[in-house]
N, C-alpha and C. Protein backbone atom coordinates (compact mmCIF):
# COMPACT_ATOMS: atom_id res chain seq x y z
N MET A 1 12.11 -1.72 -57.72
CA MET A 1 12.31 -1.25 -59.08
C MET A 1 13.77 -1.48 -59.51
N HIS A 2 14.68 -1.18 -58.62
CA HIS A 2 16.12 -1.34 -58.90
C HIS A 2 16.44 -2.80 -59.24
N LEU A 3 15.77 -3.73 -58.55
CA LEU A 3 16.03 -5.16 -58.79
C LEU A 3 15.71 -5.53 -60.23
N LEU A 4 14.56 -5.12 -60.70
CA LEU A 4 14.14 -5.49 -62.05
C LEU A 4 14.84 -4.67 -63.13
N SER A 5 15.17 -3.42 -62.83
CA SER A 5 15.89 -2.64 -63.83
C SER A 5 17.31 -3.17 -63.99
N SER A 6 17.89 -3.71 -62.92
CA SER A 6 19.22 -4.31 -63.02
C SER A 6 19.22 -5.53 -63.93
N ALA A 7 18.10 -6.24 -63.96
CA ALA A 7 18.00 -7.46 -64.76
C ALA A 7 17.57 -7.20 -66.20
N HIS A 8 17.14 -5.97 -66.53
CA HIS A 8 16.68 -5.64 -67.88
C HIS A 8 15.60 -6.62 -68.37
N VAL A 9 14.62 -6.86 -67.52
CA VAL A 9 13.56 -7.82 -67.87
C VAL A 9 12.60 -7.23 -68.89
N LYS A 10 11.92 -8.16 -69.60
CA LYS A 10 10.91 -7.76 -70.58
C LYS A 10 9.62 -8.48 -70.26
N ALA A 11 8.50 -7.86 -70.57
CA ALA A 11 7.20 -8.48 -70.35
C ALA A 11 7.18 -9.86 -70.98
N GLY A 12 6.58 -10.81 -70.28
CA GLY A 12 6.48 -12.17 -70.78
C GLY A 12 7.58 -13.08 -70.25
N GLU A 13 8.67 -12.49 -69.72
CA GLU A 13 9.72 -13.32 -69.15
C GLU A 13 9.31 -13.81 -67.77
N SER A 14 10.09 -14.75 -67.24
CA SER A 14 9.75 -15.33 -65.94
C SER A 14 10.72 -14.86 -64.88
N VAL A 15 10.20 -14.71 -63.67
CA VAL A 15 11.01 -14.32 -62.52
C VAL A 15 10.64 -15.22 -61.34
N LEU A 16 11.65 -15.69 -60.63
CA LEU A 16 11.46 -16.44 -59.40
C LEU A 16 11.95 -15.57 -58.26
N VAL A 17 11.09 -15.33 -57.28
CA VAL A 17 11.46 -14.54 -56.11
C VAL A 17 11.62 -15.51 -54.94
N HIS A 18 12.87 -15.72 -54.53
CA HIS A 18 13.13 -16.56 -53.35
C HIS A 18 12.85 -15.73 -52.11
N GLY A 19 12.19 -16.33 -51.13
CA GLY A 19 11.84 -15.57 -49.93
C GLY A 19 10.80 -14.52 -50.24
N ALA A 20 9.83 -14.90 -51.03
CA ALA A 20 8.85 -13.94 -51.55
C ALA A 20 7.87 -13.43 -50.51
N SER A 21 7.79 -14.06 -49.34
CA SER A 21 6.80 -13.62 -48.35
C SER A 21 7.30 -12.48 -47.47
N GLY A 22 8.58 -12.12 -47.57
CA GLY A 22 9.10 -10.98 -46.82
C GLY A 22 8.73 -9.67 -47.49
N GLY A 23 9.06 -8.57 -46.86
CA GLY A 23 8.69 -7.25 -47.37
C GLY A 23 9.26 -6.97 -48.75
N VAL A 24 10.54 -7.23 -48.95
CA VAL A 24 11.17 -7.00 -50.26
C VAL A 24 10.61 -7.98 -51.28
N GLY A 25 10.44 -9.24 -50.88
CA GLY A 25 9.93 -10.26 -51.78
C GLY A 25 8.52 -9.96 -52.28
N LEU A 26 7.66 -9.52 -51.38
CA LEU A 26 6.28 -9.19 -51.78
C LEU A 26 6.25 -8.01 -52.73
N ALA A 27 7.06 -7.00 -52.43
CA ALA A 27 7.14 -5.85 -53.34
C ALA A 27 7.66 -6.28 -54.71
N ALA A 28 8.67 -7.16 -54.71
CA ALA A 28 9.21 -7.65 -55.98
C ALA A 28 8.15 -8.40 -56.77
N CYS A 29 7.34 -9.20 -56.09
CA CYS A 29 6.25 -9.93 -56.78
C CYS A 29 5.25 -8.96 -57.39
N GLN A 30 4.84 -7.95 -56.62
CA GLN A 30 3.87 -6.98 -57.12
C GLN A 30 4.42 -6.21 -58.33
N ILE A 31 5.65 -5.77 -58.21
CA ILE A 31 6.25 -4.99 -59.30
C ILE A 31 6.46 -5.86 -60.54
N ALA A 32 6.94 -7.08 -60.33
CA ALA A 32 7.16 -7.99 -61.46
C ALA A 32 5.85 -8.28 -62.18
N ARG A 33 4.79 -8.47 -61.43
CA ARG A 33 3.48 -8.73 -62.04
C ARG A 33 3.03 -7.51 -62.85
N ALA A 34 3.25 -6.32 -62.30
CA ALA A 34 2.88 -5.09 -63.01
C ALA A 34 3.70 -4.91 -64.28
N TYR A 35 4.92 -5.45 -64.32
CA TYR A 35 5.78 -5.41 -65.50
C TYR A 35 5.34 -6.42 -66.55
N GLY A 36 4.39 -7.29 -66.22
CA GLY A 36 3.94 -8.30 -67.17
C GLY A 36 4.78 -9.56 -67.16
N LEU A 37 5.46 -9.83 -66.05
CA LEU A 37 6.28 -11.02 -65.95
C LEU A 37 5.49 -12.20 -65.42
N LYS A 38 5.95 -13.40 -65.72
CA LYS A 38 5.42 -14.63 -65.12
C LYS A 38 6.12 -14.75 -63.78
N VAL A 39 5.38 -14.64 -62.69
CA VAL A 39 5.97 -14.53 -61.35
C VAL A 39 5.82 -15.82 -60.56
N LEU A 40 6.96 -16.36 -60.12
CA LEU A 40 7.00 -17.51 -59.24
C LEU A 40 7.62 -17.05 -57.93
N GLY A 41 7.20 -17.66 -56.83
CA GLY A 41 7.77 -17.30 -55.55
C GLY A 41 8.00 -18.51 -54.68
N THR A 42 8.82 -18.33 -53.65
CA THR A 42 8.98 -19.37 -52.64
C THR A 42 8.68 -18.76 -51.28
N ALA A 43 8.14 -19.60 -50.42
CA ALA A 43 7.86 -19.22 -49.02
C ALA A 43 7.87 -20.50 -48.20
N GLY A 44 8.13 -20.37 -46.91
CA GLY A 44 8.30 -21.55 -46.08
C GLY A 44 7.13 -21.93 -45.21
N THR A 45 6.06 -21.14 -45.25
CA THR A 45 4.88 -21.47 -44.45
C THR A 45 3.64 -21.39 -45.32
N GLU A 46 2.57 -22.02 -44.86
CA GLU A 46 1.31 -21.97 -45.60
C GLU A 46 0.79 -20.54 -45.68
N GLU A 47 0.89 -19.81 -44.56
CA GLU A 47 0.46 -18.41 -44.53
C GLU A 47 1.28 -17.59 -45.52
N GLY A 48 2.60 -17.79 -45.52
CA GLY A 48 3.48 -17.07 -46.44
C GLY A 48 3.15 -17.36 -47.89
N GLN A 49 2.88 -18.63 -48.20
CA GLN A 49 2.54 -19.00 -49.57
C GLN A 49 1.25 -18.33 -50.02
N LYS A 50 0.28 -18.26 -49.12
CA LYS A 50 -0.99 -17.63 -49.44
C LYS A 50 -0.79 -16.14 -49.73
N ILE A 51 0.00 -15.47 -48.92
CA ILE A 51 0.26 -14.04 -49.11
C ILE A 51 0.99 -13.78 -50.42
N VAL A 52 1.93 -14.66 -50.75
CA VAL A 52 2.68 -14.50 -52.01
C VAL A 52 1.72 -14.59 -53.20
N LEU A 53 0.81 -15.54 -53.17
CA LEU A 53 -0.18 -15.66 -54.26
C LEU A 53 -1.10 -14.45 -54.32
N GLN A 54 -1.41 -13.88 -53.18
CA GLN A 54 -2.30 -12.71 -53.14
C GLN A 54 -1.59 -11.43 -53.61
N ASN A 55 -0.27 -11.51 -53.73
CA ASN A 55 0.50 -10.31 -54.06
C ASN A 55 1.27 -10.43 -55.37
N GLY A 56 0.70 -11.14 -56.33
CA GLY A 56 1.24 -11.10 -57.68
C GLY A 56 1.81 -12.38 -58.23
N ALA A 57 2.13 -13.35 -57.39
CA ALA A 57 2.73 -14.58 -57.92
C ALA A 57 1.69 -15.43 -58.63
N HIS A 58 2.10 -16.02 -59.74
CA HIS A 58 1.25 -16.97 -60.45
C HIS A 58 1.30 -18.34 -59.78
N GLU A 59 2.47 -18.64 -59.19
CA GLU A 59 2.66 -19.94 -58.54
C GLU A 59 3.64 -19.75 -57.40
N VAL A 60 3.47 -20.55 -56.34
CA VAL A 60 4.37 -20.47 -55.19
C VAL A 60 4.80 -21.87 -54.78
N PHE A 61 6.04 -21.98 -54.30
CA PHE A 61 6.61 -23.26 -53.90
C PHE A 61 7.12 -23.15 -52.47
N ASN A 62 7.00 -24.24 -51.72
CA ASN A 62 7.46 -24.28 -50.34
C ASN A 62 8.95 -24.63 -50.31
N HIS A 63 9.78 -23.65 -49.97
CA HIS A 63 11.23 -23.90 -49.99
C HIS A 63 11.71 -24.75 -48.83
N ARG A 64 10.81 -25.16 -47.95
CA ARG A 64 11.18 -26.10 -46.88
C ARG A 64 11.02 -27.56 -47.32
N GLU A 65 10.34 -27.77 -48.46
CA GLU A 65 10.20 -29.13 -48.99
C GLU A 65 11.52 -29.54 -49.65
N VAL A 66 11.93 -30.76 -49.40
CA VAL A 66 13.21 -31.26 -49.91
C VAL A 66 13.27 -31.18 -51.44
N ASN A 67 12.18 -31.48 -52.12
CA ASN A 67 12.19 -31.57 -53.58
C ASN A 67 11.58 -30.34 -54.27
N TYR A 68 11.58 -29.19 -53.60
CA TYR A 68 10.92 -28.03 -54.20
C TYR A 68 11.61 -27.57 -55.49
N ILE A 69 12.91 -27.75 -55.61
CA ILE A 69 13.62 -27.36 -56.84
C ILE A 69 13.13 -28.20 -58.01
N ASP A 70 12.91 -29.50 -57.77
CA ASP A 70 12.38 -30.37 -58.82
C ASP A 70 11.00 -29.92 -59.25
N LYS A 71 10.19 -29.49 -58.31
CA LYS A 71 8.84 -29.00 -58.63
C LYS A 71 8.91 -27.74 -59.49
N ILE A 72 9.85 -26.85 -59.17
CA ILE A 72 10.01 -25.63 -59.97
C ILE A 72 10.46 -25.99 -61.38
N LYS A 73 11.44 -26.90 -61.48
CA LYS A 73 11.93 -27.33 -62.80
C LYS A 73 10.80 -27.92 -63.64
N LYS A 74 9.98 -28.73 -63.01
CA LYS A 74 8.86 -29.34 -63.73
C LYS A 74 7.87 -28.27 -64.19
N TYR A 75 7.62 -27.27 -63.35
CA TYR A 75 6.67 -26.21 -63.66
C TYR A 75 7.16 -25.36 -64.84
N VAL A 76 8.46 -25.00 -64.85
CA VAL A 76 8.97 -24.10 -65.89
C VAL A 76 9.41 -24.82 -67.15
N GLY A 77 9.67 -26.12 -67.05
CA GLY A 77 10.09 -26.88 -68.22
C GLY A 77 11.53 -26.60 -68.60
N GLU A 78 11.88 -27.00 -69.81
CA GLU A 78 13.27 -26.92 -70.27
C GLU A 78 13.79 -25.49 -70.41
N LYS A 79 12.91 -24.55 -70.69
CA LYS A 79 13.37 -23.17 -70.90
C LYS A 79 14.06 -22.62 -69.66
N GLY A 80 13.55 -22.92 -68.49
CA GLY A 80 14.13 -22.38 -67.26
C GLY A 80 13.57 -21.01 -66.92
N ILE A 81 14.18 -20.38 -65.94
CA ILE A 81 13.71 -19.09 -65.42
C ILE A 81 14.65 -18.00 -65.89
N ASP A 82 14.08 -16.89 -66.33
CA ASP A 82 14.88 -15.79 -66.87
C ASP A 82 15.62 -15.01 -65.78
N VAL A 83 14.94 -14.74 -64.67
CA VAL A 83 15.54 -13.95 -63.59
C VAL A 83 15.15 -14.56 -62.25
N ILE A 84 16.14 -14.70 -61.37
CA ILE A 84 15.88 -15.14 -60.00
C ILE A 84 16.31 -14.02 -59.07
N ILE A 85 15.40 -13.58 -58.23
CA ILE A 85 15.72 -12.59 -57.21
C ILE A 85 15.99 -13.36 -55.93
N GLU A 86 17.21 -13.27 -55.47
CA GLU A 86 17.71 -14.14 -54.39
C GLU A 86 17.95 -13.37 -53.09
N MET A 87 17.20 -13.76 -52.06
CA MET A 87 17.31 -13.11 -50.75
C MET A 87 18.33 -13.79 -49.85
N LEU A 88 18.69 -15.04 -50.13
CA LEU A 88 19.59 -15.80 -49.25
C LEU A 88 20.56 -16.62 -50.11
N ALA A 89 21.46 -15.92 -50.77
CA ALA A 89 22.36 -16.54 -51.74
C ALA A 89 23.23 -17.63 -51.13
N ASN A 90 23.63 -17.48 -49.88
CA ASN A 90 24.50 -18.48 -49.27
C ASN A 90 23.83 -19.84 -49.12
N VAL A 91 22.52 -19.89 -49.23
CA VAL A 91 21.78 -21.15 -49.17
C VAL A 91 21.36 -21.61 -50.57
N ASN A 92 20.95 -20.68 -51.42
CA ASN A 92 20.26 -21.04 -52.66
C ASN A 92 21.03 -20.87 -53.96
N LEU A 93 22.12 -20.13 -53.98
CA LEU A 93 22.75 -19.76 -55.25
C LEU A 93 23.11 -20.96 -56.12
N ASN A 94 23.65 -22.00 -55.55
CA ASN A 94 24.03 -23.18 -56.32
C ASN A 94 22.81 -23.79 -57.02
N LYS A 95 21.69 -23.87 -56.30
CA LYS A 95 20.44 -24.41 -56.88
C LYS A 95 19.87 -23.45 -57.93
N ASP A 96 20.00 -22.15 -57.66
CA ASP A 96 19.48 -21.16 -58.61
C ASP A 96 20.08 -21.34 -59.99
N LEU A 97 21.38 -21.59 -60.05
CA LEU A 97 22.06 -21.71 -61.34
C LEU A 97 21.49 -22.85 -62.17
N SER A 98 21.00 -23.90 -61.51
CA SER A 98 20.41 -25.02 -62.24
C SER A 98 19.02 -24.70 -62.79
N LEU A 99 18.40 -23.63 -62.29
CA LEU A 99 17.05 -23.26 -62.71
C LEU A 99 17.01 -22.24 -63.85
N LEU A 100 18.11 -21.61 -64.13
CA LEU A 100 18.13 -20.50 -65.08
C LEU A 100 17.94 -20.93 -66.54
N SER A 101 17.37 -20.02 -67.31
CA SER A 101 17.27 -20.17 -68.76
C SER A 101 18.61 -19.77 -69.37
N HIS A 102 18.75 -19.97 -70.69
CA HIS A 102 19.94 -19.49 -71.39
C HIS A 102 19.98 -17.97 -71.27
N GLY A 103 21.09 -17.43 -70.78
CA GLY A 103 21.20 -15.99 -70.58
C GLY A 103 20.52 -15.49 -69.32
N GLY A 104 20.04 -16.42 -68.49
CA GLY A 104 19.34 -16.04 -67.27
C GLY A 104 20.25 -15.38 -66.25
N GLN A 105 19.62 -14.72 -65.29
CA GLN A 105 20.36 -13.96 -64.30
C GLN A 105 19.86 -14.24 -62.89
N VAL A 106 20.80 -14.28 -61.95
CA VAL A 106 20.45 -14.30 -60.53
C VAL A 106 20.80 -12.92 -59.99
N ILE A 107 19.82 -12.25 -59.41
CA ILE A 107 20.02 -10.95 -58.80
C ILE A 107 20.12 -11.18 -57.29
N VAL A 108 21.30 -10.98 -56.74
CA VAL A 108 21.54 -11.25 -55.32
C VAL A 108 21.20 -10.00 -54.50
N VAL A 109 20.18 -10.16 -53.67
CA VAL A 109 19.73 -9.09 -52.80
C VAL A 109 20.28 -9.30 -51.39
N GLY A 110 20.39 -10.56 -50.98
CA GLY A 110 20.86 -10.84 -49.63
C GLY A 110 21.65 -12.12 -49.55
N SER A 111 22.55 -12.16 -48.58
CA SER A 111 23.35 -13.35 -48.32
C SER A 111 23.87 -13.24 -46.89
N ARG A 112 23.95 -14.37 -46.22
CA ARG A 112 24.44 -14.36 -44.84
C ARG A 112 25.69 -15.21 -44.69
N GLY A 113 26.47 -15.29 -45.73
CA GLY A 113 27.69 -16.07 -45.65
C GLY A 113 28.17 -16.45 -47.03
N THR A 114 29.07 -17.40 -47.06
CA THR A 114 29.66 -17.84 -48.32
C THR A 114 28.99 -19.11 -48.82
N ILE A 115 29.23 -19.39 -50.10
CA ILE A 115 28.73 -20.61 -50.71
C ILE A 115 29.72 -21.01 -51.80
N GLU A 116 29.85 -22.29 -52.02
CA GLU A 116 30.71 -22.76 -53.09
C GLU A 116 29.84 -23.11 -54.29
N ILE A 117 30.21 -22.57 -55.45
CA ILE A 117 29.49 -22.88 -56.69
C ILE A 117 30.49 -23.38 -57.71
N ASN A 118 29.98 -24.04 -58.74
CA ASN A 118 30.81 -24.47 -59.85
C ASN A 118 30.61 -23.45 -60.98
N PRO A 119 31.65 -22.70 -61.33
CA PRO A 119 31.51 -21.70 -62.40
C PRO A 119 31.00 -22.27 -63.72
N ARG A 120 31.22 -23.57 -63.95
CA ARG A 120 30.72 -24.19 -65.18
C ARG A 120 29.19 -24.09 -65.27
N ASP A 121 28.53 -23.99 -64.12
CA ASP A 121 27.07 -23.87 -64.12
C ASP A 121 26.61 -22.56 -64.74
N THR A 122 27.50 -21.58 -64.84
CA THR A 122 27.16 -20.32 -65.51
C THR A 122 27.56 -20.34 -66.98
N MET A 123 28.51 -21.19 -67.33
CA MET A 123 29.08 -21.17 -68.68
C MET A 123 28.13 -21.73 -69.74
N ALA A 124 27.58 -22.91 -69.50
CA ALA A 124 26.75 -23.59 -70.51
C ALA A 124 25.53 -22.74 -70.90
N LYS A 125 24.98 -22.05 -69.91
CA LYS A 125 23.78 -21.24 -70.18
C LYS A 125 24.10 -19.76 -70.38
N GLU A 126 25.40 -19.41 -70.31
CA GLU A 126 25.83 -18.02 -70.42
C GLU A 126 25.02 -17.14 -69.47
N SER A 127 24.88 -17.64 -68.24
CA SER A 127 24.11 -16.92 -67.21
C SER A 127 25.01 -16.01 -66.41
N SER A 128 24.39 -15.16 -65.61
CA SER A 128 25.18 -14.22 -64.82
C SER A 128 24.60 -14.07 -63.42
N ILE A 129 25.47 -13.64 -62.52
CA ILE A 129 25.10 -13.38 -61.14
C ILE A 129 25.40 -11.90 -60.90
N ILE A 130 24.38 -11.16 -60.46
CA ILE A 130 24.53 -9.72 -60.27
C ILE A 130 24.14 -9.38 -58.83
N GLY A 131 25.01 -8.68 -58.14
CA GLY A 131 24.69 -8.21 -56.80
C GLY A 131 24.11 -6.81 -56.88
N VAL A 132 23.09 -6.53 -56.06
CA VAL A 132 22.49 -5.19 -56.06
C VAL A 132 22.32 -4.68 -54.64
N THR A 133 22.35 -3.38 -54.53
CA THR A 133 22.01 -2.70 -53.29
C THR A 133 21.42 -1.35 -53.67
N VAL A 134 20.42 -0.95 -52.94
CA VAL A 134 19.76 0.32 -53.25
C VAL A 134 20.73 1.48 -53.07
N PHE A 135 21.73 1.30 -52.20
CA PHE A 135 22.66 2.39 -51.92
C PHE A 135 23.61 2.68 -53.08
N SER A 136 23.67 1.78 -54.07
CA SER A 136 24.53 2.03 -55.23
C SER A 136 23.83 2.85 -56.30
N SER A 137 22.54 3.12 -56.11
CA SER A 137 21.79 3.92 -57.08
C SER A 137 22.24 5.38 -57.02
N THR A 138 22.23 6.02 -58.18
CA THR A 138 22.51 7.45 -58.20
C THR A 138 21.30 8.19 -57.62
N LYS A 139 21.49 9.45 -57.31
CA LYS A 139 20.39 10.25 -56.77
C LYS A 139 19.23 10.30 -57.77
N GLU A 140 19.57 10.43 -59.06
CA GLU A 140 18.54 10.49 -60.10
C GLU A 140 17.78 9.17 -60.21
N GLU A 141 18.51 8.05 -60.16
CA GLU A 141 17.85 6.74 -60.20
C GLU A 141 16.94 6.56 -58.99
N PHE A 142 17.43 6.93 -57.83
CA PHE A 142 16.64 6.80 -56.61
C PHE A 142 15.36 7.62 -56.72
N GLN A 143 15.45 8.82 -57.26
CA GLN A 143 14.27 9.67 -57.44
C GLN A 143 13.29 9.05 -58.43
N GLN A 144 13.81 8.43 -59.51
CA GLN A 144 12.95 7.76 -60.48
C GLN A 144 12.22 6.58 -59.83
N TYR A 145 12.96 5.77 -59.07
CA TYR A 145 12.34 4.61 -58.41
C TYR A 145 11.28 5.07 -57.43
N ALA A 146 11.60 6.10 -56.66
CA ALA A 146 10.65 6.61 -55.66
C ALA A 146 9.37 7.11 -56.34
N ALA A 147 9.52 7.83 -57.45
CA ALA A 147 8.36 8.34 -58.17
C ALA A 147 7.51 7.20 -58.72
N ALA A 148 8.17 6.17 -59.28
CA ALA A 148 7.45 5.02 -59.83
C ALA A 148 6.71 4.27 -58.72
N LEU A 149 7.38 4.09 -57.58
CA LEU A 149 6.74 3.38 -56.46
C LEU A 149 5.56 4.17 -55.91
N GLN A 150 5.72 5.48 -55.79
CA GLN A 150 4.62 6.31 -55.31
C GLN A 150 3.44 6.22 -56.26
N ALA A 151 3.70 6.28 -57.56
CA ALA A 151 2.63 6.15 -58.55
C ALA A 151 1.97 4.78 -58.44
N GLY A 152 2.77 3.74 -58.24
CA GLY A 152 2.23 2.40 -58.08
C GLY A 152 1.30 2.29 -56.89
N MET A 153 1.66 2.95 -55.80
CA MET A 153 0.78 2.93 -54.62
C MET A 153 -0.48 3.74 -54.86
N GLU A 154 -0.35 4.88 -55.54
CA GLU A 154 -1.52 5.71 -55.83
C GLU A 154 -2.49 4.98 -56.75
N ILE A 155 -1.96 4.31 -57.76
CA ILE A 155 -2.81 3.60 -58.73
C ILE A 155 -3.34 2.30 -58.13
N GLY A 156 -2.56 1.67 -57.26
CA GLY A 156 -3.04 0.48 -56.58
C GLY A 156 -2.35 -0.82 -56.95
N TRP A 157 -1.35 -0.80 -57.86
CA TRP A 157 -0.69 -2.06 -58.19
C TRP A 157 0.44 -2.38 -57.22
N LEU A 158 0.80 -1.44 -56.36
CA LEU A 158 1.79 -1.67 -55.31
C LEU A 158 1.13 -1.41 -53.96
N LYS A 159 1.05 -2.46 -53.15
CA LYS A 159 0.40 -2.36 -51.85
C LYS A 159 1.32 -2.96 -50.79
N PRO A 160 2.05 -2.09 -50.05
CA PRO A 160 2.96 -2.61 -49.03
C PRO A 160 2.21 -3.49 -48.02
N VAL A 161 2.83 -4.61 -47.67
CA VAL A 161 2.26 -5.55 -46.71
C VAL A 161 3.03 -5.40 -45.41
N ILE A 162 2.33 -5.02 -44.35
CA ILE A 162 2.94 -4.83 -43.04
C ILE A 162 2.98 -6.16 -42.31
N GLY A 163 4.14 -6.51 -41.80
CA GLY A 163 4.32 -7.74 -41.02
C GLY A 163 4.39 -7.42 -39.54
N SER A 164 5.43 -7.92 -38.90
CA SER A 164 5.63 -7.70 -37.46
C SER A 164 5.86 -6.23 -37.18
N GLN A 165 5.31 -5.77 -36.03
CA GLN A 165 5.48 -4.39 -35.61
C GLN A 165 6.09 -4.39 -34.21
N TYR A 166 7.12 -3.56 -34.02
CA TYR A 166 7.82 -3.49 -32.74
C TYR A 166 7.91 -2.05 -32.28
N PRO A 167 7.68 -1.79 -30.97
CA PRO A 167 7.97 -0.45 -30.48
C PRO A 167 9.48 -0.23 -30.50
N LEU A 168 9.90 1.03 -30.62
CA LEU A 168 11.31 1.35 -30.77
C LEU A 168 12.18 0.75 -29.66
N GLU A 169 11.66 0.67 -28.45
CA GLU A 169 12.45 0.12 -27.34
C GLU A 169 12.71 -1.38 -27.49
N LYS A 170 12.04 -2.04 -28.44
CA LYS A 170 12.27 -3.46 -28.68
C LYS A 170 13.04 -3.70 -29.97
N VAL A 171 13.84 -2.72 -30.37
CA VAL A 171 14.61 -2.83 -31.61
C VAL A 171 15.57 -4.02 -31.57
N ALA A 172 16.14 -4.31 -30.39
CA ALA A 172 17.06 -5.45 -30.27
C ALA A 172 16.32 -6.77 -30.53
N GLU A 173 15.10 -6.88 -30.01
CA GLU A 173 14.28 -8.08 -30.24
C GLU A 173 13.92 -8.21 -31.73
N ALA A 174 13.59 -7.10 -32.34
CA ALA A 174 13.27 -7.11 -33.77
C ALA A 174 14.48 -7.60 -34.57
N HIS A 175 15.66 -7.10 -34.23
CA HIS A 175 16.88 -7.50 -34.92
C HIS A 175 17.14 -8.99 -34.73
N GLU A 176 16.98 -9.49 -33.53
CA GLU A 176 17.15 -10.93 -33.27
C GLU A 176 16.18 -11.76 -34.11
N ASN A 177 14.94 -11.30 -34.22
CA ASN A 177 13.94 -12.04 -34.99
C ASN A 177 14.26 -12.04 -36.49
N ILE A 178 14.85 -10.97 -36.98
CA ILE A 178 15.26 -10.94 -38.39
C ILE A 178 16.37 -11.96 -38.62
N ILE A 179 17.36 -11.94 -37.74
CA ILE A 179 18.53 -12.80 -37.90
C ILE A 179 18.21 -14.27 -37.67
N HIS A 180 17.43 -14.56 -36.61
CA HIS A 180 17.22 -15.95 -36.21
C HIS A 180 15.82 -16.47 -36.47
N GLY A 181 14.95 -15.63 -37.05
CA GLY A 181 13.58 -16.06 -37.31
C GLY A 181 13.50 -17.08 -38.42
N SER A 182 12.37 -17.73 -38.52
CA SER A 182 12.19 -18.79 -39.52
C SER A 182 11.65 -18.26 -40.84
N GLY A 183 11.54 -16.97 -40.97
CA GLY A 183 11.04 -16.39 -42.22
C GLY A 183 10.07 -15.28 -41.92
N ALA A 184 10.05 -14.31 -42.79
CA ALA A 184 9.20 -13.14 -42.58
C ALA A 184 7.95 -13.21 -43.42
N THR A 185 6.92 -12.54 -42.92
CA THR A 185 5.71 -12.33 -43.70
C THR A 185 5.45 -10.84 -43.68
N GLY A 186 5.65 -10.19 -44.80
CA GLY A 186 5.49 -8.75 -44.87
C GLY A 186 6.70 -8.00 -44.37
N LYS A 187 6.58 -6.69 -44.34
CA LYS A 187 7.67 -5.82 -43.94
C LYS A 187 7.61 -5.56 -42.44
N MET A 188 8.70 -5.86 -41.75
CA MET A 188 8.80 -5.59 -40.33
C MET A 188 8.98 -4.07 -40.15
N ILE A 189 8.25 -3.50 -39.18
CA ILE A 189 8.38 -2.07 -38.96
C ILE A 189 8.60 -1.76 -37.49
N LEU A 190 9.26 -0.62 -37.26
CA LEU A 190 9.45 -0.10 -35.90
C LEU A 190 8.49 1.04 -35.70
N LEU A 191 7.83 1.07 -34.56
CA LEU A 191 6.86 2.13 -34.25
C LEU A 191 7.53 3.17 -33.36
N LEU A 192 7.39 4.43 -33.74
CA LEU A 192 7.98 5.52 -32.95
C LEU A 192 6.98 6.05 -31.96
């Protein structure tokens, strides 16, 4: 909820969720669809792409394909994408800026390093890059998001997707798989 409220999206706008097959990405797809957005996603495996489509995306692209950015550009046309939710900014941010609509926004959720961008890529389209973290929310905002998410689960438009499960004693292995894995499908959980 925080991701989309930060972007001030409106029904009918488009959103691209990079890394959409992970736990955060799938939730973003479901919530964006419930908001009435045109939802695009990326995933790196056939299984991941299928799950993304089952969880709210209108279209999904394989981010392991060399020309996937060209495919996205062709799909959205000249208008571009209104909001991009970015899970790995150090890899994708430069490409994201080329996909944005006029006034479009990249919402940075995750990054594992630095990246060099050309600021001119933000100027022509008057686009912006916004970093978010749930920990920056006020107590009241957090309570609002929690209430909305709980209602979404009760009504059925939000359905958490469980991915890998690890017993607590394998927390180090789980951490290694997050850092060095080839991509997630669903939300990784620890079992107590």
